[in-house]
Amino acid sequence: MNYLTKKTLDKYKEHWVSLRDAGFIKNLNEVTILELEAIYKQEVDDKFFVNKWCMSCVAEMIQRIYLSVNYDSYIEPIEAFAESIQSTTNVEATFINDFKPEDVNKQVPKRRGRKSRK
């Protein structure tokens, strides 16, 4: 899979996620279908023709594309590691920055509601 193919599949990833998780596709236009058909011809079968008016045929084509290139398991290891480091450092930084010593001694207002029996 070359760089342009990867970027095109990334661009239309929401259609694959919707098809995979919910079982339907929305808001497909002709340009999207033509680009995905070109990728299908490049990656899977060069003699393929899809009926653009048949949404189940288009859905099947999209499913075959993303499954044949193993899109869900294709993550750059360096990018995944960088994202995990970034997410953990942001969480720790927000906890440290949000803590203020004057917040500890702040009086909590009384709750309104039913009086307790003593």
PDB file of N, CA and C in Angstrom:
ATOM      1  N   MET A   1       0.861  -1.169   0.000  1.00  0.00           N
ATOM      2  CA  MET A   1       0.000   0.000   0.000  1.00  0.00           C
ATOM      3  C   MET A   1       0.908   1.233   0.000  1.00  0.00           C
ATOM      4  N   ASN A   2       0.697   2.085  -0.984  1.00  0.00           N
ATOM      5  CA  ASN A   2       1.539   3.265  -1.070  1.00  0.00           C
ATOM      6  C   ASN A   2       0.956   4.424  -0.236  1.00  0.00           C
ATOM      7  N   TYR A   3       1.690   5.503  -0.210  1.00  0.00           N
ATOM      8  CA  TYR A   3       1.332   6.647   0.637  1.00  0.00           C
ATOM      9  C   TYR A   3       0.004   7.264   0.211  1.00  0.00           C
ATOM     10  N   LEU A   4      -0.207   7.448  -1.088  1.00  0.00           N
ATOM     11  CA  LEU A   4      -1.433   8.070  -1.577  1.00  0.00           C
ATOM     12  C   LEU A   4      -2.657   7.210  -1.260  1.00  0.00           C
ATOM     13  N   THR A   5      -2.509   5.902  -1.401  1.00  0.00           N
ATOM     14  CA  THR A   5      -3.602   4.991  -1.066  1.00  0.00           C
ATOM     15  C   THR A   5      -3.943   5.088   0.412  1.00  0.00           C
ATOM     16  N   LYS A   6      -2.939   5.114   1.258  1.00  0.00           N
ATOM     17  CA  LYS A   6      -3.148   5.215   2.703  1.00  0.00           C
ATOM     18  C   LYS A   6      -3.866   6.507   3.058  1.00  0.00           C
ATOM     19  N   LYS A   7      -3.456   7.624   2.466  1.00  0.00           N
ATOM     20  CA  LYS A   7      -4.088   8.910   2.757  1.00  0.00           C
ATOM     21  C   LYS A   7      -5.531   8.957   2.259  1.00  0.00           C
ATOM     22  N   THR A   8      -5.800   8.336   1.120  1.00  0.00           N
ATOM     23  CA  THR A   8      -7.171   8.298   0.611  1.00  0.00           C
ATOM     24  C   THR A   8      -8.051   7.438   1.510  1.00  0.00           C
ATOM     25  N   LEU A   9      -7.526   6.307   1.961  1.00  0.00           N
ATOM     26  CA  LEU A   9      -8.294   5.474   2.884  1.00  0.00           C
ATOM     27  C   LEU A   9      -8.511   6.178   4.212  1.00  0.00           C
ATOM     28  N   ASP A  10      -7.535   6.959   4.659  1.00  0.00           N
ATOM     29  CA  ASP A  10      -7.719   7.751   5.878  1.00  0.00           C
ATOM     30  C   ASP A  10      -8.806   8.802   5.689  1.00  0.00           C
ATOM     31  N   LYS A  11      -8.863   9.371   4.498  1.00  0.00           N
ATOM     32  CA  LYS A  11      -9.839  10.427   4.226  1.00  0.00           C
ATOM     33  C   LYS A  11     -11.271   9.892   4.298  1.00  0.00           C
ATOM     34  N   TYR A  12     -11.465   8.662   3.838  1.00  0.00           N
ATOM     35  CA  TYR A  12     -12.805   8.076   3.822  1.00  0.00           C
ATOM     36  C   TYR A  12     -12.988   7.036   4.922  1.00  0.00           C
ATOM     37  N   LYS A  13     -12.226   7.142   5.979  1.00  0.00           N
ATOM     38  CA  LYS A  13     -12.289   6.177   7.076  1.00  0.00           C
ATOM     39  C   LYS A  13     -13.647   6.155   7.760  1.00  0.00           C
ATOM     40  N   GLU A  14     -14.320   7.308   7.852  1.00  0.00           N
ATOM     41  CA  GLU A  14     -15.606   7.336   8.555  1.00  0.00           C
ATOM     42  C   GLU A  14     -16.651   6.470   7.868  1.00  0.00           C
ATOM     43  N   HIS A  15     -16.554   6.316   6.545  1.00  0.00           N
ATOM     44  CA  HIS A  15     -17.485   5.428   5.844  1.00  0.00           C
ATOM     45  C   HIS A  15     -17.217   3.970   6.226  1.00  0.00           C
ATOM     46  N   TRP A  16     -15.952   3.598   6.348  1.00  0.00           N
ATOM     47  CA  TRP A  16     -15.605   2.236   6.747  1.00  0.00           C
ATOM     48  C   TRP A  16     -16.041   1.979   8.185  1.00  0.00           C
ATOM     49  N   VAL A  17     -15.813   2.908   9.078  1.00  0.00           N
ATOM     50  CA  VAL A  17     -16.186   2.720  10.482  1.00  0.00           C
ATOM     51  C   VAL A  17     -17.703   2.595  10.608  1.00  0.00           C
ATOM     52  N   SER A  18     -18.426   3.421   9.875  1.00  0.00           N
ATOM     53  CA  SER A  18     -19.885   3.339   9.901  1.00  0.00           C
ATOM     54  C   SER A  18     -20.377   2.004   9.355  1.00  0.00           C
ATOM     55  N   LEU A  19     -19.771   1.546   8.276  1.00  0.00           N
ATOM     56  CA  LEU A  19     -20.165   0.256   7.697  1.00  0.00           C
ATOM     57  C   LEU A  19     -19.800  -0.892   8.618  1.00  0.00           C
ATOM     58  N   ARG A  20     -18.617  -0.849   9.197  1.00  0.00           N
ATOM     59  CA  ARG A  20     -18.153  -1.925  10.066  1.00  0.00           C
ATOM     60  C   ARG A  20     -18.959  -2.000  11.359  1.00  0.00           C
ATOM     61  N   ASP A  21     -19.208  -0.852  11.995  1.00  0.00           N
ATOM     62  CA  ASP A  21     -19.842  -0.857  13.309  1.00  0.00           C
ATOM     63  C   ASP A  21     -21.369  -0.854  13.245  1.00  0.00           C
ATOM     64  N   ALA A  22     -21.936  -0.040  12.341  1.00  0.00           N
ATOM     65  CA  ALA A  22     -23.393   0.092  12.310  1.00  0.00           C
ATOM     66  C   ALA A  22     -24.046  -0.658  11.155  1.00  0.00           C
ATOM     67  N   GLY A  23     -23.280  -0.959  10.118  1.00  0.00           N
ATOM     68  CA  GLY A  23     -23.823  -1.724   9.011  1.00  0.00           C
ATOM     69  C   GLY A  23     -24.464  -0.895   7.919  1.00  0.00           C
ATOM     70  N   PHE A  24     -24.221   0.408   7.876  1.00  0.00           N
ATOM     71  CA  PHE A  24     -24.768   1.240   6.813  1.00  0.00           C
ATOM     72  C   PHE A  24     -23.772   2.338   6.447  1.00  0.00           C
ATOM     73  N   ILE A  25     -24.029   2.974   5.303  1.00  0.00           N
ATOM     74  CA  ILE A  25     -23.183   4.058   4.815  1.00  0.00           C
ATOM     75  C   ILE A  25     -24.083   5.238   4.469  1.00  0.00           C
ATOM     76  N   LYS A  26     -23.620   6.432   4.829  1.00  0.00           N
ATOM     77  CA  LYS A  26     -24.370   7.646   4.505  1.00  0.00           C
ATOM     78  C   LYS A  26     -23.462   8.634   3.785  1.00  0.00           C
ATOM     79  N   ASN A  27     -24.078   9.510   3.013  1.00  0.00           N
ATOM     80  CA  ASN A  27     -23.420  10.661   2.391  1.00  0.00           C
ATOM     81  C   ASN A  27     -22.267  10.275   1.471  1.00  0.00           C
ATOM     82  N   LEU A  28     -22.496   9.305   0.629  1.00  0.00           N
ATOM     83  CA  LEU A  28     -21.509   8.963  -0.389  1.00  0.00           C
ATOM     84  C   LEU A  28     -21.826   9.728  -1.666  1.00  0.00           C
ATOM     85  N   ASN A  29     -20.836  10.408  -2.206  1.00  0.00           N
ATOM     86  CA  ASN A  29     -21.039  11.072  -3.487  1.00  0.00           C
ATOM     87  C   ASN A  29     -20.248  10.340  -4.562  1.00  0.00           C
ATOM     88  N   GLU A  30     -20.374  10.803  -5.798  1.00  0.00           N
ATOM     89  CA  GLU A  30     -19.766  10.113  -6.922  1.00  0.00           C
ATOM     90  C   GLU A  30     -18.241  10.148  -6.866  1.00  0.00           C
ATOM     91  N   VAL A  31     -17.682  11.262  -6.409  1.00  0.00           N
ATOM     92  CA  VAL A  31     -16.221  11.390  -6.339  1.00  0.00           C
ATOM     93  C   VAL A  31     -15.639  10.377  -5.353  1.00  0.00           C
ATOM     94  N   THR A  32     -16.300  10.221  -4.214  1.00  0.00           N
ATOM     95  CA  THR A  32     -15.852   9.259  -3.209  1.00  0.00           C
ATOM     96  C   THR A  32     -15.864   7.842  -3.774  1.00  0.00           C
ATOM     97  N   ILE A  33     -16.945   7.498  -4.446  1.00  0.00           N
ATOM     98  CA  ILE A  33     -17.069   6.156  -5.008  1.00  0.00           C
ATOM     99  C   ILE A  33     -16.007   5.914  -6.086  1.00  0.00           C
ATOM    100  N   LEU A  34     -15.760   6.926  -6.915  1.00  0.00           N
ATOM    101  CA  LEU A  34     -14.747   6.773  -7.967  1.00  0.00           C
ATOM    102  C   LEU A  34     -13.349   6.604  -7.383  1.00  0.00           C
ATOM    103  N   GLU A  35     -13.018   7.364  -6.342  1.00  0.00           N
ATOM    104  CA  GLU A  35     -11.701   7.230  -5.724  1.00  0.00           C
ATOM    105  C   GLU A  35     -11.531   5.860  -5.063  1.00  0.00           C
ATOM    106  N   LEU A  36     -12.567   5.401  -4.370  1.00  0.00           N
ATOM    107  CA  LEU A  36     -12.490   4.088  -3.738  1.00  0.00           C
ATOM    108  C   LEU A  36     -12.450   2.965  -4.772  1.00  0.00           C
ATOM    109  N   GLU A  37     -13.136   3.156  -5.897  1.00  0.00           N
ATOM    110  CA  GLU A  37     -13.084   2.160  -6.965  1.00  0.00           C
ATOM    111  C   GLU A  37     -11.680   2.095  -7.575  1.00  0.00           C
ATOM    112  N   ALA A  38     -11.030   3.249  -7.710  1.00  0.00           N
ATOM    113  CA  ALA A  38      -9.660   3.266  -8.237  1.00  0.00           C
ATOM    114  C   ALA A  38      -8.704   2.536  -7.288  1.00  0.00           C
ATOM    115  N   ILE A  39      -8.901   2.727  -5.990  1.00  0.00           N
ATOM    116  CA  ILE A  39      -8.074   2.013  -5.015  1.00  0.00           C
ATOM    117  C   ILE A  39      -8.341   0.508  -5.086  1.00  0.00           C
ATOM    118  N   TYR A  40      -9.615   0.142  -5.246  1.00  0.00           N
ATOM    119  CA  TYR A  40      -9.955  -1.277  -5.365  1.00  0.00           C
ATOM    120  C   TYR A  40      -9.266  -1.896  -6.574  1.00  0.00           C
ATOM    121  N   LYS A  41      -9.288  -1.175  -7.696  1.00  0.00           N
ATOM    122  CA  LYS A  41      -8.631  -1.683  -8.901  1.00  0.00           C
ATOM    123  C   LYS A  41      -7.124  -1.788  -8.712  1.00  0.00           C
ATOM    124  N   GLN A  42      -6.550  -0.899  -7.942  1.00  0.00           N
ATOM    125  CA  GLN A  42      -5.108  -0.920  -7.711  1.00  0.00           C
ATOM    126  C   GLN A  42      -4.698  -2.008  -6.729  1.00  0.00           C
ATOM    127  N   GLU A  43      -5.473  -2.175  -5.664  1.00  0.00           N
ATOM    128  CA  GLU A  43      -5.065  -3.077  -4.588  1.00  0.00           C
ATOM    129  C   GLU A  43      -5.615  -4.496  -4.729  1.00  0.00           C
ATOM    130  N   VAL A  44      -6.837  -4.651  -5.252  1.00  0.00           N
ATOM    131  CA  VAL A  44      -7.486  -5.967  -5.221  1.00  0.00           C
ATOM    132  C   VAL A  44      -7.612  -6.579  -6.613  1.00  0.00           C
ATOM    133  N   ASP A  45      -8.408  -5.939  -7.484  1.00  0.00           N
ATOM    134  CA  ASP A  45      -8.704  -6.526  -8.796  1.00  0.00           C
ATOM    135  C   ASP A  45      -8.773  -5.407  -9.831  1.00  0.00           C
ATOM    136  N   ASP A  46      -7.911  -5.458 -10.841  1.00  0.00           N
ATOM    137  CA  ASP A  46      -7.856  -4.370 -11.816  1.00  0.00           C
ATOM    138  C   ASP A  46      -8.975  -4.442 -12.857  1.00  0.00           C
ATOM    139  N   LYS A  47      -9.729  -5.524 -12.920  1.00  0.00           N
ATOM    140  CA  LYS A  47     -10.841  -5.644 -13.865  1.00  0.00           C
ATOM    141  C   LYS A  47     -12.195  -5.442 -13.190  1.00  0.00           C
ATOM    142  N   PHE A  48     -12.202  -4.828 -12.038  1.00  0.00           N
ATOM    143  CA  PHE A  48     -13.420  -4.677 -11.244  1.00  0.00           C
ATOM    144  C   PHE A  48     -14.254  -3.511 -11.751  1.00  0.00           C
ATOM    145  N   PHE A  49     -15.571  -3.687 -11.726  1.00  0.00           N
ATOM    146  CA  PHE A  49     -16.521  -2.621 -12.039  1.00  0.00           C
ATOM    147  C   PHE A  49     -17.611  -2.650 -10.982  1.00  0.00           C
ATOM    148  N   VAL A  50     -17.905  -1.489 -10.403  1.00  0.00           N
ATOM    149  CA  VAL A  50     -18.949  -1.414  -9.395  1.00  0.00           C
ATOM    150  C   VAL A  50     -20.135  -0.634  -9.962  1.00  0.00           C
ATOM    151  N   ASN A  51     -21.327  -1.126  -9.676  1.00  0.00           N
ATOM    152  CA  ASN A  51     -22.535  -0.405 -10.043  1.00  0.00           C
ATOM    153  C   ASN A  51     -22.727   0.712  -9.019  1.00  0.00           C
ATOM    154  N   LYS A  52     -22.564   1.948  -9.445  1.00  0.00           N
ATOM    155  CA  LYS A  52     -22.581   3.080  -8.518  1.00  0.00           C
ATOM    156  C   LYS A  52     -23.970   3.394  -7.983  1.00  0.00           C
ATOM    157  N   TRP A  53     -25.000   2.849  -8.583  1.00  0.00           N
ATOM    158  CA  TRP A  53     -26.367   3.071  -8.109  1.00  0.00           C
ATOM    159  C   TRP A  53     -26.794   2.028  -7.081  1.00  0.00           C
ATOM    160  N   CYS A  54     -26.023   0.969  -6.948  1.00  0.00           N
ATOM    161  CA  CYS A  54     -26.340  -0.103  -6.011  1.00  0.00           C
ATOM    162  C   CYS A  54     -25.515   0.103  -4.733  1.00  0.00           C
ATOM    163  N   MET A  55     -26.140   0.601  -3.686  1.00  0.00           N
ATOM    164  CA  MET A  55     -25.398   0.918  -2.460  1.00  0.00           C
ATOM    165  C   MET A  55     -24.893  -0.332  -1.750  1.00  0.00           C
ATOM    166  N   SER A  56     -25.582  -1.453  -1.897  1.00  0.00           N
ATOM    167  CA  SER A  56     -25.051  -2.672  -1.285  1.00  0.00           C
ATOM    168  C   SER A  56     -23.796  -3.138  -2.019  1.00  0.00           C
ATOM    169  N   CYS A  57     -23.729  -2.904  -3.345  1.00  0.00           N
ATOM    170  CA  CYS A  57     -22.520  -3.239  -4.105  1.00  0.00           C
ATOM    171  C   CYS A  57     -21.361  -2.332  -3.691  1.00  0.00           C
ATOM    172  N   VAL A  58     -21.648  -1.049  -3.491  1.00  0.00           N
ATOM    173  CA  VAL A  58     -20.618  -0.096  -3.058  1.00  0.00           C
ATOM    174  C   VAL A  58     -20.153  -0.451  -1.649  1.00  0.00           C
ATOM    175  N   ALA A  59     -21.088  -0.810  -0.771  1.00  0.00           N
ATOM    176  CA  ALA A  59     -20.726  -1.196   0.593  1.00  0.00           C
ATOM    177  C   ALA A  59     -19.844  -2.431   0.597  1.00  0.00           C
ATOM    178  N   GLU A  60     -20.159  -3.386  -0.254  1.00  0.00           N
ATOM    179  CA  GLU A  60     -19.336  -4.592  -0.354  1.00  0.00           C
ATOM    180  C   GLU A  60     -17.935  -4.264  -0.873  1.00  0.00           C
ATOM    181  N   MET A  61     -17.854  -3.330  -1.826  1.00  0.00           N
ATOM    182  CA  MET A  61     -16.552  -2.912  -2.345  1.00  0.00           C
ATOM    183  C   MET A  61     -15.722  -2.249  -1.245  1.00  0.00           C
ATOM    184  N   ILE A  62     -16.340  -1.369  -0.476  1.00  0.00           N
ATOM    185  CA  ILE A  62     -15.623  -0.682   0.601  1.00  0.00           C
ATOM    186  C   ILE A  62     -15.148  -1.688   1.644  1.00  0.00           C
ATOM    187  N   GLN A  63     -16.000  -2.639   1.976  1.00  0.00           N
ATOM    188  CA  GLN A  63     -15.616  -3.663   2.942  1.00  0.00           C
ATOM    189  C   GLN A  63     -14.434  -4.487   2.433  1.00  0.00           C
ATOM    190  N   ARG A  64     -14.453  -4.867   1.172  1.00  0.00           N
ATOM    191  CA  ARG A  64     -13.345  -5.641   0.616  1.00  0.00           C
ATOM    192  C   ARG A  64     -12.044  -4.849   0.589  1.00  0.00           C
ATOM    193  N   ILE A  65     -12.140  -3.549   0.278  1.00  0.00           N
ATOM    194  CA  ILE A  65     -10.922  -2.721   0.242  1.00  0.00           C
ATOM    195  C   ILE A  65     -10.263  -2.695   1.613  1.00  0.00           C
ATOM    196  N   TYR A  66     -11.031  -2.290   2.613  1.00  0.00           N
ATOM    197  CA  TYR A  66     -10.456  -2.096   3.942  1.00  0.00           C
ATOM    198  C   TYR A  66     -10.018  -3.413   4.580  1.00  0.00           C
ATOM    199  N   LEU A  67     -10.706  -4.504   4.277  1.00  0.00           N
ATOM    200  CA  LEU A  67     -10.282  -5.799   4.812  1.00  0.00           C
ATOM    201  C   LEU A  67      -9.066  -6.350   4.078  1.00  0.00           C
ATOM    202  N   SER A  68      -8.956  -6.096   2.776  1.00  0.00           N
ATOM    203  CA  SER A  68      -7.826  -6.638   2.023  1.00  0.00           C
ATOM    204  C   SER A  68      -6.512  -5.949   2.368  1.00  0.00           C
ATOM    205  N   VAL A  69      -6.564  -4.683   2.763  1.00  0.00           N
ATOM    206  CA  VAL A  69      -5.322  -3.984   3.127  1.00  0.00           C
ATOM    207  C   VAL A  69      -5.076  -4.016   4.632  1.00  0.00           C
ATOM    208  N   ASN A  70      -5.928  -4.726   5.390  1.00  0.00           N
ATOM    209  CA  ASN A  70      -5.818  -4.808   6.856  1.00  0.00           C
ATOM    210  C   ASN A  70      -5.717  -3.412   7.476  1.00  0.00           C
ATOM    211  N   TYR A  71      -6.674  -2.572   7.116  1.00  0.00           N
ATOM    212  CA  TYR A  71      -6.631  -1.171   7.531  1.00  0.00           C
ATOM    213  C   TYR A  71      -6.718  -1.014   9.043  1.00  0.00           C
ATOM    214  N   ASP A  72      -7.551  -1.797   9.702  1.00  0.00           N
ATOM    215  CA  ASP A  72      -7.744  -1.639  11.150  1.00  0.00           C
ATOM    216  C   ASP A  72      -6.495  -1.990  11.942  1.00  0.00           C
ATOM    217  N   SER A  73      -5.675  -2.896  11.433  1.00  0.00           N
ATOM    218  CA  SER A  73      -4.467  -3.273  12.160  1.00  0.00           C
ATOM    219  C   SER A  73      -3.245  -2.484  11.693  1.00  0.00           C
ATOM    220  N   TYR A  74      -3.434  -1.598  10.713  1.00  0.00           N
ATOM    221  CA  TYR A  74      -2.309  -0.844  10.158  1.00  0.00           C
ATOM    222  C   TYR A  74      -2.150   0.478  10.903  1.00  0.00           C
ATOM    223  N   ILE A  75      -1.265   0.488  11.892  1.00  0.00           N
ATOM    224  CA  ILE A  75      -0.930   1.703  12.635  1.00  0.00           C
ATOM    225  C   ILE A  75       0.584   1.768  12.692  1.00  0.00           C
ATOM    226  N   GLU A  76       1.095   2.925  12.389  1.00  0.00           N
ATOM    227  CA  GLU A  76       2.540   3.099  12.479  1.00  0.00           C
ATOM    228  C   GLU A  76       2.961   2.956  13.941  1.00  0.00           C
ATOM    229  N   PRO A  77       3.934   2.109  14.270  1.00  0.00           N
ATOM    230  CA  PRO A  77       4.335   1.911  15.663  1.00  0.00           C
ATOM    231  C   PRO A  77       4.844   3.191  16.319  1.00  0.00           C
ATOM    232  N   ILE A  78       5.552   3.989  15.584  1.00  0.00           N
ATOM    233  CA  ILE A  78       6.093   5.223  16.164  1.00  0.00           C
ATOM    234  C   ILE A  78       4.956   6.194  16.478  1.00  0.00           C
ATOM    235  N   GLU A  79       3.971   6.292  15.585  1.00  0.00           N
ATOM    236  CA  GLU A  79       2.834   7.184  15.823  1.00  0.00           C
ATOM    237  C   GLU A  79       2.029   6.723  17.032  1.00  0.00           C
ATOM    238  N   ALA A  80       1.814   5.423  17.160  1.00  0.00           N
ATOM    239  CA  ALA A  80       1.051   4.902  18.288  1.00  0.00           C
ATOM    240  C   ALA A  80       1.779   5.164  19.601  1.00  0.00           C
ATOM    241  N   PHE A  81       3.088   4.981  19.609  1.00  0.00           N
ATOM    242  CA  PHE A  81       3.871   5.236  20.815  1.00  0.00           C
ATOM    243  C   PHE A  81       3.845   6.724  21.173  1.00  0.00           C
ATOM    244  N   ALA A  82       3.976   7.582  20.185  1.00  0.00           N
ATOM    245  CA  ALA A  82       3.961   9.021  20.441  1.00  0.00           C
ATOM    246  C   ALA A  82       2.604   9.475  20.977  1.00  0.00           C
ATOM    247  N   GLU A  83       1.509   8.915  20.440  1.00  0.00           N
ATOM    248  CA  GLU A  83       0.179   9.275  20.928  1.00  0.00           C
ATOM    249  C   GLU A  83      -0.011   8.825  22.369  1.00  0.00           C
ATOM    250  N   SER A  84       0.470   7.644  22.725  1.00  0.00           N
ATOM    251  CA  SER A  84       0.298   7.163  24.096  1.00  0.00           C
ATOM    252  C   SER A  84       1.106   8.011  25.068  1.00  0.00           C
ATOM    253  N   ILE A  85       2.311   8.399  24.686  1.00  0.00           N
ATOM    254  CA  ILE A  85       3.126   9.264  25.549  1.00  0.00           C
ATOM    255  C   ILE A  85       2.472  10.624  25.706  1.00  0.00           C
ATOM    256  N   GLN A  86       1.972  11.179  24.615  1.00  0.00           N
ATOM    257  CA  GLN A  86       1.346  12.501  24.656  1.00  0.00           C
ATOM    258  C   GLN A  86       0.105  12.484  25.545  1.00  0.00           C
ATOM    259  N   SER A  87      -0.715  11.457  25.439  1.00  0.00           N
ATOM    260  CA  SER A  87      -1.937  11.411  26.238  1.00  0.00           C
ATOM    261  C   SER A  87      -1.625  11.277  27.729  1.00  0.00           C
ATOM    262  N   THR A  88      -0.622  10.497  28.106  1.00  0.00           N
ATOM    263  CA  THR A  88      -0.310  10.346  29.530  1.00  0.00           C
ATOM    264  C   THR A  88       0.321  11.602  30.103  1.00  0.00           C
ATOM    265  N   THR A  89       1.156  12.291  29.354  1.00  0.00           N
ATOM    266  CA  THR A  89       1.773  13.509  29.884  1.00  0.00           C
ATOM    267  C   THR A  89       0.752  14.626  30.011  1.00  0.00           C
ATOM    268  N   ASN A  90      -0.226  14.699  29.121  1.00  0.00           N
ATOM    269  CA  ASN A  90      -1.261  15.729  29.241  1.00  0.00           C
ATOM    270  C   ASN A  90      -2.129  15.508  30.471  1.00  0.00           C
ATOM    271  N   VAL A  91      -2.450  14.261  30.766  1.00  0.00           N
ATOM    272  CA  VAL A  91      -3.281  13.963  31.929  1.00  0.00           C
ATOM    273  C   VAL A  91      -2.548  14.327  33.216  1.00  0.00           C
ATOM    274  N   GLU A  92      -1.282  13.931  33.319  1.00  0.00           N
ATOM    275  CA  GLU A  92      -0.516  14.253  34.517  1.00  0.00           C
ATOM    276  C   GLU A  92      -0.341  15.755  34.671  1.00  0.00           C
ATOM    277  N   ALA A  93      -0.104  16.460  33.592  1.00  0.00           N
ATOM    278  CA  ALA A  93       0.100  17.904  33.659  1.00  0.00           C
ATOM    279  C   ALA A  93      -1.172  18.614  34.091  1.00  0.00           C
ATOM    280  N   THR A  94      -2.324  18.159  33.667  1.00  0.00           N
ATOM    281  CA  THR A  94      -3.561  18.828  34.052  1.00  0.00           C
ATOM    282  C   THR A  94      -3.849  18.601  35.533  1.00  0.00           C
ATOM    283  N   PHE A  95      -3.554  17.415  36.068  1.00  0.00           N
ATOM    284  CA  PHE A  95      -3.777  17.191  37.494  1.00  0.00           C
ATOM    285  C   PHE A  95      -2.840  18.054  38.333  1.00  0.00           C
ATOM    286  N   ILE A  96      -1.624  18.184  37.931  1.00  0.00           N
ATOM    287  CA  ILE A  96      -0.663  18.986  38.689  1.00  0.00           C
ATOM    288  C   ILE A  96      -1.020  20.461  38.607  1.00  0.00           C
ATOM    289  N   ASN A  97      -1.414  20.932  37.433  1.00  0.00           N
ATOM    290  CA  ASN A  97      -1.731  22.347  37.270  1.00  0.00           C
ATOM    291  C   ASN A  97      -3.052  22.733  37.924  1.00  0.00           C
ATOM    292  N   ASP A  98      -3.999  21.806  38.029  1.00  0.00           N
ATOM    293  CA  ASP A  98      -5.297  22.128  38.619  1.00  0.00           C
ATOM    294  C   ASP A  98      -5.266  22.156  40.140  1.00  0.00           C
ATOM    295  N   PHE A  99      -4.309  21.529  40.761  1.00  0.00           N
ATOM    296  CA  PHE A  99      -4.253  21.470  42.218  1.00  0.00           C
ATOM    297  C   PHE A  99      -3.688  22.768  42.771  1.00  0.00           C
ATOM    298  N   LYS A 100      -4.441  23.362  43.693  1.00  0.00           N
ATOM    299  CA  LYS A 100      -3.990  24.581  44.364  1.00  0.00           C
ATOM    300  C   LYS A 100      -4.147  24.366  45.864  1.00  0.00           C
ATOM    301  N   PRO A 101      -3.170  24.792  46.683  1.00  0.00           N
ATOM    302  CA  PRO A 101      -3.255  24.549  48.122  1.00  0.00           C
ATOM    303  C   PRO A 101      -4.439  25.257  48.785  1.00  0.00           C
ATOM    304  N   GLU A 102      -4.856  26.404  48.261  1.00  0.00           N
ATOM    305  CA  GLU A 102      -5.980  27.102  48.888  1.00  0.00           C
ATOM    306  C   GLU A 102      -7.300  26.375  48.688  1.00  0.00           C
ATOM    307  N   ASP A 103      -7.371  25.475  47.732  1.00  0.00           N
ATOM    308  CA  ASP A 103      -8.591  24.703  47.523  1.00  0.00           C
ATOM    309  C   ASP A 103      -8.848  23.715  48.667  1.00  0.00           C
ATOM    310  N   VAL A 104      -7.799  23.314  49.373  1.00  0.00           N
ATOM    311  CA  VAL A 104      -7.943  22.334  50.446  1.00  0.00           C
ATOM    312  C   VAL A 104      -8.693  22.940  51.626  1.00  0.00           C
ATOM    313  N   ASN A 105      -8.422  24.186  51.970  1.00  0.00           N
ATOM    314  CA  ASN A 105      -9.020  24.825  53.147  1.00  0.00           C
ATOM    315  C   ASN A 105     -10.320  25.547  52.834  1.00  0.00           C
ATOM    316  N   LYS A 106     -10.789  25.474  51.629  1.00  0.00           N
ATOM    317  CA  LYS A 106     -12.022  26.160  51.239  1.00  0.00           C
ATOM    318  C   LYS A 106     -13.210  25.522  51.956  1.00  0.00           C
ATOM    319  N   GLN A 107     -14.068  26.369  52.549  1.00  0.00           N
ATOM    320  CA  GLN A 107     -15.228  25.838  53.240  1.00  0.00           C
ATOM    321  C   GLN A 107     -16.302  25.454  52.242  1.00  0.00           C
ATOM    322  N   VAL A 108     -16.917  24.328  52.505  1.00  0.00           N
ATOM    323  CA  VAL A 108     -17.969  23.827  51.649  1.00  0.00           C
ATOM    324  C   VAL A 108     -19.295  24.355  52.176  1.00  0.00           C
ATOM    325  N   PRO A 109     -20.122  24.956  51.335  1.00  0.00           N
ATOM    326  CA  PRO A 109     -21.411  25.461  51.803  1.00  0.00           C
ATOM    327  C   PRO A 109     -22.319  24.320  52.242  1.00  0.00           C
ATOM    328  N   LYS A 110     -23.235  24.652  53.174  1.00  0.00           N
ATOM    329  CA  LYS A 110     -24.161  23.636  53.662  1.00  0.00           C
ATOM    330  C   LYS A 110     -25.112  23.206  52.565  1.00  0.00           C
ATOM    331  N   ARG A 111     -25.447  21.937  52.628  1.00  0.00           N
ATOM    332  CA  ARG A 111     -26.417  21.426  51.680  1.00  0.00           C
ATOM    333  C   ARG A 111     -27.799  21.817  52.132  1.00  0.00           C
ATOM    334  N   ARG A 112     -28.608  22.170  51.191  1.00  0.00           N
ATOM    335  CA  ARG A 112     -30.005  22.423  51.502  1.00  0.00           C
ATOM    336  C   ARG A 112     -30.772  21.133  51.295  1.00  0.00           C
ATOM    337  N   GLY A 113     -31.743  20.941  52.087  1.00  0.00           N
ATOM    338  CA  GLY A 113     -32.505  19.723  51.936  1.00  0.00           C
ATOM    339  C   GLY A 113     -33.120  19.333  53.274  1.00  0.00           C
ATOM    340  N   ARG A 114     -33.427  18.099  53.400  1.00  0.00           N
ATOM    341  CA  ARG A 114     -34.099  17.596  54.580  1.00  0.00           C
ATOM    342  C   ARG A 114     -33.139  17.625  55.771  1.00  0.00           C
ATOM    343  N   LYS A 115     -33.672  18.066  56.904  1.00  0.00           N
ATOM    344  CA  LYS A 115     -32.868  18.109  58.119  1.00  0.00           C
ATOM    345  C   LYS A 115     -32.712  16.699  58.657  1.00  0.00           C
ATOM    346  N   SER A 116     -31.542  16.440  59.154  1.00  0.00           N
ATOM    347  CA  SER A 116     -31.295  15.119  59.712  1.00  0.00           C
ATOM    348  C   SER A 116     -31.687  15.115  61.185  1.00  0.00           C
ATOM    349  N   ARG A 117     -32.119  14.006  61.647  1.00  0.00           N
ATOM    350  CA  ARG A 117     -32.509  13.847  63.065  1.00  0.00           C
ATOM    351  C   ARG A 117     -31.271  13.525  63.860  1.00  0.00           C
ATOM    352  N   LYS A 118     -31.143  14.193  64.963  1.00  0.00           N
ATOM    353  CA  LYS A 118     -29.993  13.914  65.837  1.00  0.00           C
ATOM    354  C   LYS A 118     -30.445  13.493  67.190  1.00  0.00           C
TER     355      LYS A 118
END
